[in-house]
Amino acid sequence: QVQLVESGGGLVQAGGTLRLSCAVSGRSFSGYYMAWFRQAPGKEREFVAVIRWGFTSGVYGDFVRGRFTISTDNAKNTVYLQMNSLKPEDTAVYYCAAKGLSGGLYDARDYDYWGQGTQVTVSS
């Protein structure tokens, strides 16, 4: 059974830092696209970042570029999202997701596997 489990969310002050983790299991995700999305109440699910498993660099959404970093750790079977310089506008439920090689990368509907999400709240 494929499973993605997020952790690391919480309450942080503006300007602070959080690192989210997504533990994956059930299959090898080598070469898969691993992504983070976020969703605030009443808003559409928004693209945050994507990387191919095992690769060095990722692609970022406009509102997080320069502040967030996505990475994978094969030894720990984990995807990370390092979030620096957090803003109140970053408040949302953050989801990790995975997909194969076909289709697009930036729409949530392109992804095959999802975690349950972890809440990030940034106070001003």
C-alpha atoms as a PDB file:
ATOM      1  CA  GLN A   1       0.000   0.000   0.000  1.00  0.00           C
ATOM      2  CA  VAL A   2       1.435   3.337  -1.052  1.00  0.00           C
ATOM      3  CA  GLN A   3       1.493   5.819   1.794  1.00  0.00           C
ATOM      4  CA  LEU A   4       2.668   9.407   2.152  1.00  0.00           C
ATOM      5  CA  VAL A   5       2.647  10.853   5.665  1.00  0.00           C
ATOM      6  CA  GLU A   6       3.412  14.507   6.330  1.00  0.00           C
ATOM      7  CA  SER A   7       4.740  15.895   9.588  1.00  0.00           C
ATOM      8  CA  GLY A   8       6.483  18.973  10.927  1.00  0.00           C
ATOM      9  CA  GLY A   9       3.728  21.546  10.719  1.00  0.00           C
ATOM     10  CA  GLY A  10       2.901  23.878  13.555  1.00  0.00           C
ATOM     11  CA  LEU A  11       2.625  27.466  14.697  1.00  0.00           C
ATOM     12  CA  VAL A  12       5.476  29.828  13.917  1.00  0.00           C
ATOM     13  CA  GLN A  13       5.981  33.582  13.953  1.00  0.00           C
ATOM     14  CA  ALA A  14       6.454  35.555  10.765  1.00  0.00           C
ATOM     15  CA  GLY A  15      10.067  35.376   9.676  1.00  0.00           C
ATOM     16  CA  GLY A  16      10.518  31.985  11.263  1.00  0.00           C
ATOM     17  CA  THR A  17      11.428  28.593   9.890  1.00  0.00           C
ATOM     18  CA  LEU A  18       9.808  25.165   9.621  1.00  0.00           C
ATOM     19  CA  ARG A  19      10.875  21.949   7.964  1.00  0.00           C
ATOM     20  CA  LEU A  20       8.118  19.673   6.742  1.00  0.00           C
ATOM     21  CA  SER A  21       8.711  15.972   6.194  1.00  0.00           C
ATOM     22  CA  CYS A  22       6.859  13.492   4.006  1.00  0.00           C
ATOM     23  CA  ALA A  23       7.637   9.856   4.770  1.00  0.00           C
ATOM     24  CA  VAL A  24       6.867   7.589   1.820  1.00  0.00           C
ATOM     25  CA  SER A  25       6.348   3.846   1.732  1.00  0.00           C
ATOM     26  CA  GLY A  26       4.801   1.087  -0.334  1.00  0.00           C
ATOM     27  CA  ARG A  27       6.898   1.438  -3.458  1.00  0.00           C
ATOM     28  CA  SER A  28      10.040   2.956  -4.877  1.00  0.00           C
ATOM     29  CA  PHE A  29       9.610   6.535  -6.021  1.00  0.00           C
ATOM     30  CA  SER A  30      12.905   6.651  -7.898  1.00  0.00           C
ATOM     31  CA  GLY A  31      12.503   9.043 -10.813  1.00  0.00           C
ATOM     32  CA  TYR A  32       9.016  10.092  -9.708  1.00  0.00           C
ATOM     33  CA  TYR A  33       8.037  13.707  -9.352  1.00  0.00           C
ATOM     34  CA  MET A  34       7.584  14.593  -5.704  1.00  0.00           C
ATOM     35  CA  ALA A  35       5.726  17.773  -4.893  1.00  0.00           C
ATOM     36  CA  TRP A  36       4.336  19.969  -2.158  1.00  0.00           C
ATOM     37  CA  PHE A  37       1.004  21.723  -2.480  1.00  0.00           C
ATOM     38  CA  ARG A  38      -0.845  23.880   0.016  1.00  0.00           C
ATOM     39  CA  GLN A  39      -4.452  24.786   0.572  1.00  0.00           C
ATOM     40  CA  ALA A  40      -5.987  27.501   2.708  1.00  0.00           C
ATOM     41  CA  PRO A  41      -9.679  27.409   3.675  1.00  0.00           C
ATOM     42  CA  GLY A  42     -11.874  28.365   0.745  1.00  0.00           C
ATOM     43  CA  LYS A  43      -8.931  28.455  -1.655  1.00  0.00           C
ATOM     44  CA  GLU A  44      -7.766  26.162  -4.419  1.00  0.00           C
ATOM     45  CA  ARG A  45      -4.910  23.814  -3.799  1.00  0.00           C
ATOM     46  CA  GLU A  46      -1.774  25.727  -4.785  1.00  0.00           C
ATOM     47  CA  PHE A  47       1.492  24.454  -6.218  1.00  0.00           C
ATOM     48  CA  VAL A  48       4.477  25.013  -3.935  1.00  0.00           C
ATOM     49  CA  ALA A  49       7.423  22.967  -5.202  1.00  0.00           C
ATOM     50  CA  VAL A  50       8.332  19.862  -7.205  1.00  0.00           C
ATOM     51  CA  ILE A  51      11.450  17.753  -7.647  1.00  0.00           C
ATOM     52  CA  ARG A  52      12.281  14.405  -9.193  1.00  0.00           C
ATOM     53  CA  TRP A  53      13.221  11.853  -6.588  1.00  0.00           C
ATOM     54  CA  GLY A  54      16.991  11.671  -6.340  1.00  0.00           C
ATOM     55  CA  PHE A  55      17.605  14.928  -8.200  1.00  0.00           C
ATOM     56  CA  THR A  56      19.312  17.980  -6.778  1.00  0.00           C
ATOM     57  CA  SER A  57      17.209  20.938  -7.888  1.00  0.00           C
ATOM     58  CA  GLY A  58      13.508  21.624  -7.966  1.00  0.00           C
ATOM     59  CA  VAL A  59      10.974  24.080  -9.327  1.00  0.00           C
ATOM     60  CA  TYR A  60       9.050  26.492  -7.120  1.00  0.00           C
ATOM     61  CA  GLY A  61       5.846  28.433  -7.138  1.00  0.00           C
ATOM     62  CA  ASP A  62       6.025  32.194  -7.531  1.00  0.00           C
ATOM     63  CA  PHE A  63       5.147  33.000  -3.924  1.00  0.00           C
ATOM     64  CA  VAL A  64       7.718  30.694  -2.309  1.00  0.00           C
ATOM     65  CA  ARG A  65      10.673  30.891  -4.666  1.00  0.00           C
ATOM     66  CA  GLY A  66      13.797  31.956  -2.830  1.00  0.00           C
ATOM     67  CA  ARG A  67      12.369  31.045   0.573  1.00  0.00           C
ATOM     68  CA  PHE A  68      11.513  27.326   0.330  1.00  0.00           C
ATOM     69  CA  THR A  69      13.648  24.353  -0.678  1.00  0.00           C
ATOM     70  CA  ILE A  70      12.421  20.889  -1.656  1.00  0.00           C
ATOM     71  CA  SER A  71      14.634  17.820  -1.382  1.00  0.00           C
ATOM     72  CA  THR A  72      14.504  14.026  -1.179  1.00  0.00           C
ATOM     73  CA  ASP A  73      16.468  11.684   1.053  1.00  0.00           C
ATOM     74  CA  ASN A  74      16.617   8.164  -0.303  1.00  0.00           C
ATOM     75  CA  ALA A  75      18.123   6.669   2.847  1.00  0.00           C
ATOM     76  CA  LYS A  76      15.218   7.975   4.923  1.00  0.00           C
ATOM     77  CA  ASN A  77      12.502   7.566   2.271  1.00  0.00           C
ATOM     78  CA  THR A  78      11.506  11.137   2.961  1.00  0.00           C
ATOM     79  CA  VAL A  79      10.710  14.309   1.038  1.00  0.00           C
ATOM     80  CA  TYR A  80      11.421  17.586   2.801  1.00  0.00           C
ATOM     81  CA  LEU A  81      10.224  21.133   2.438  1.00  0.00           C
ATOM     82  CA  GLN A  82      12.507  23.601   4.167  1.00  0.00           C
ATOM     83  CA  MET A  83      10.563  26.815   4.721  1.00  0.00           C
ATOM     84  CA  ASN A  84      12.422  29.992   5.653  1.00  0.00           C
ATOM     85  CA  SER A  85      11.260  33.576   6.102  1.00  0.00           C
ATOM     86  CA  LEU A  86       7.699  32.451   6.639  1.00  0.00           C
ATOM     87  CA  LYS A  87       4.863  34.899   6.077  1.00  0.00           C
ATOM     88  CA  PRO A  88       1.269  34.889   7.335  1.00  0.00           C
ATOM     89  CA  GLU A  89       0.218  34.276   3.730  1.00  0.00           C
ATOM     90  CA  ASP A  90       1.959  30.887   3.945  1.00  0.00           C
ATOM     91  CA  THR A  91      -0.666  29.678   6.419  1.00  0.00           C
ATOM     92  CA  ALA A  92      -2.299  26.580   4.935  1.00  0.00           C
ATOM     93  CA  VAL A  93      -2.497  22.828   5.077  1.00  0.00           C
ATOM     94  CA  TYR A  94       0.558  21.491   3.284  1.00  0.00           C
ATOM     95  CA  TYR A  95       0.308  18.253   1.319  1.00  0.00           C
ATOM     96  CA  CYS A  96       2.965  16.098  -0.264  1.00  0.00           C
ATOM     97  CA  ALA A  97       2.179  14.358  -3.517  1.00  0.00           C
ATOM     98  CA  ALA A  98       3.770  12.093  -6.107  1.00  0.00           C
ATOM     99  CA  LYS A  99       3.297  11.263  -9.748  1.00  0.00           C
ATOM    100  CA  GLY A 100       4.903   9.328 -12.577  1.00  0.00           C
ATOM    101  CA  LEU A 101       6.470  10.696 -15.704  1.00  0.00           C
ATOM    102  CA  SER A 102       3.397  11.489 -17.787  1.00  0.00           C
ATOM    103  CA  GLY A 103       1.292  14.620 -17.599  1.00  0.00           C
ATOM    104  CA  GLY A 104       1.910  18.035 -16.068  1.00  0.00           C
ATOM    105  CA  LEU A 105       3.582  19.070 -12.840  1.00  0.00           C
ATOM    106  CA  TYR A 106       1.866  22.160 -11.486  1.00  0.00           C
ATOM    107  CA  ASP A 107      -1.789  21.195 -11.159  1.00  0.00           C
ATOM    108  CA  ALA A 108      -2.901  19.108  -8.202  1.00  0.00           C
ATOM    109  CA  ARG A 109      -5.052  17.041 -10.531  1.00  0.00           C
ATOM    110  CA  ASP A 110      -1.898  15.689 -12.192  1.00  0.00           C
ATOM    111  CA  TYR A 111      -0.805  13.803  -9.071  1.00  0.00           C
ATOM    112  CA  ASP A 112      -1.513  10.181  -8.259  1.00  0.00           C
ATOM    113  CA  TYR A 113      -0.579   9.893  -4.580  1.00  0.00           C
ATOM    114  CA  TRP A 114      -1.325  12.232  -1.695  1.00  0.00           C
ATOM    115  CA  GLY A 115      -0.679  12.545   1.984  1.00  0.00           C
ATOM    116  CA  GLN A 116      -3.234  13.730   4.508  1.00  0.00           C
ATOM    117  CA  GLY A 117      -1.606  17.108   5.075  1.00  0.00           C
ATOM    118  CA  THR A 118      -0.014  19.013   7.923  1.00  0.00           C
ATOM    119  CA  GLN A 119      -1.143  22.409   9.196  1.00  0.00           C
ATOM    120  CA  VAL A 120       1.221  25.367   9.022  1.00  0.00           C
ATOM    121  CA  THR A 121       0.134  28.551  10.775  1.00  0.00           C
ATOM    122  CA  VAL A 122       2.247  31.713  10.602  1.00  0.00           C
ATOM    123  CA  SER A 123       1.389  34.516  12.996  1.00  0.00           C
ATOM    124  CA  SER A 124       2.085  38.173  12.250  1.00  0.00           C
END
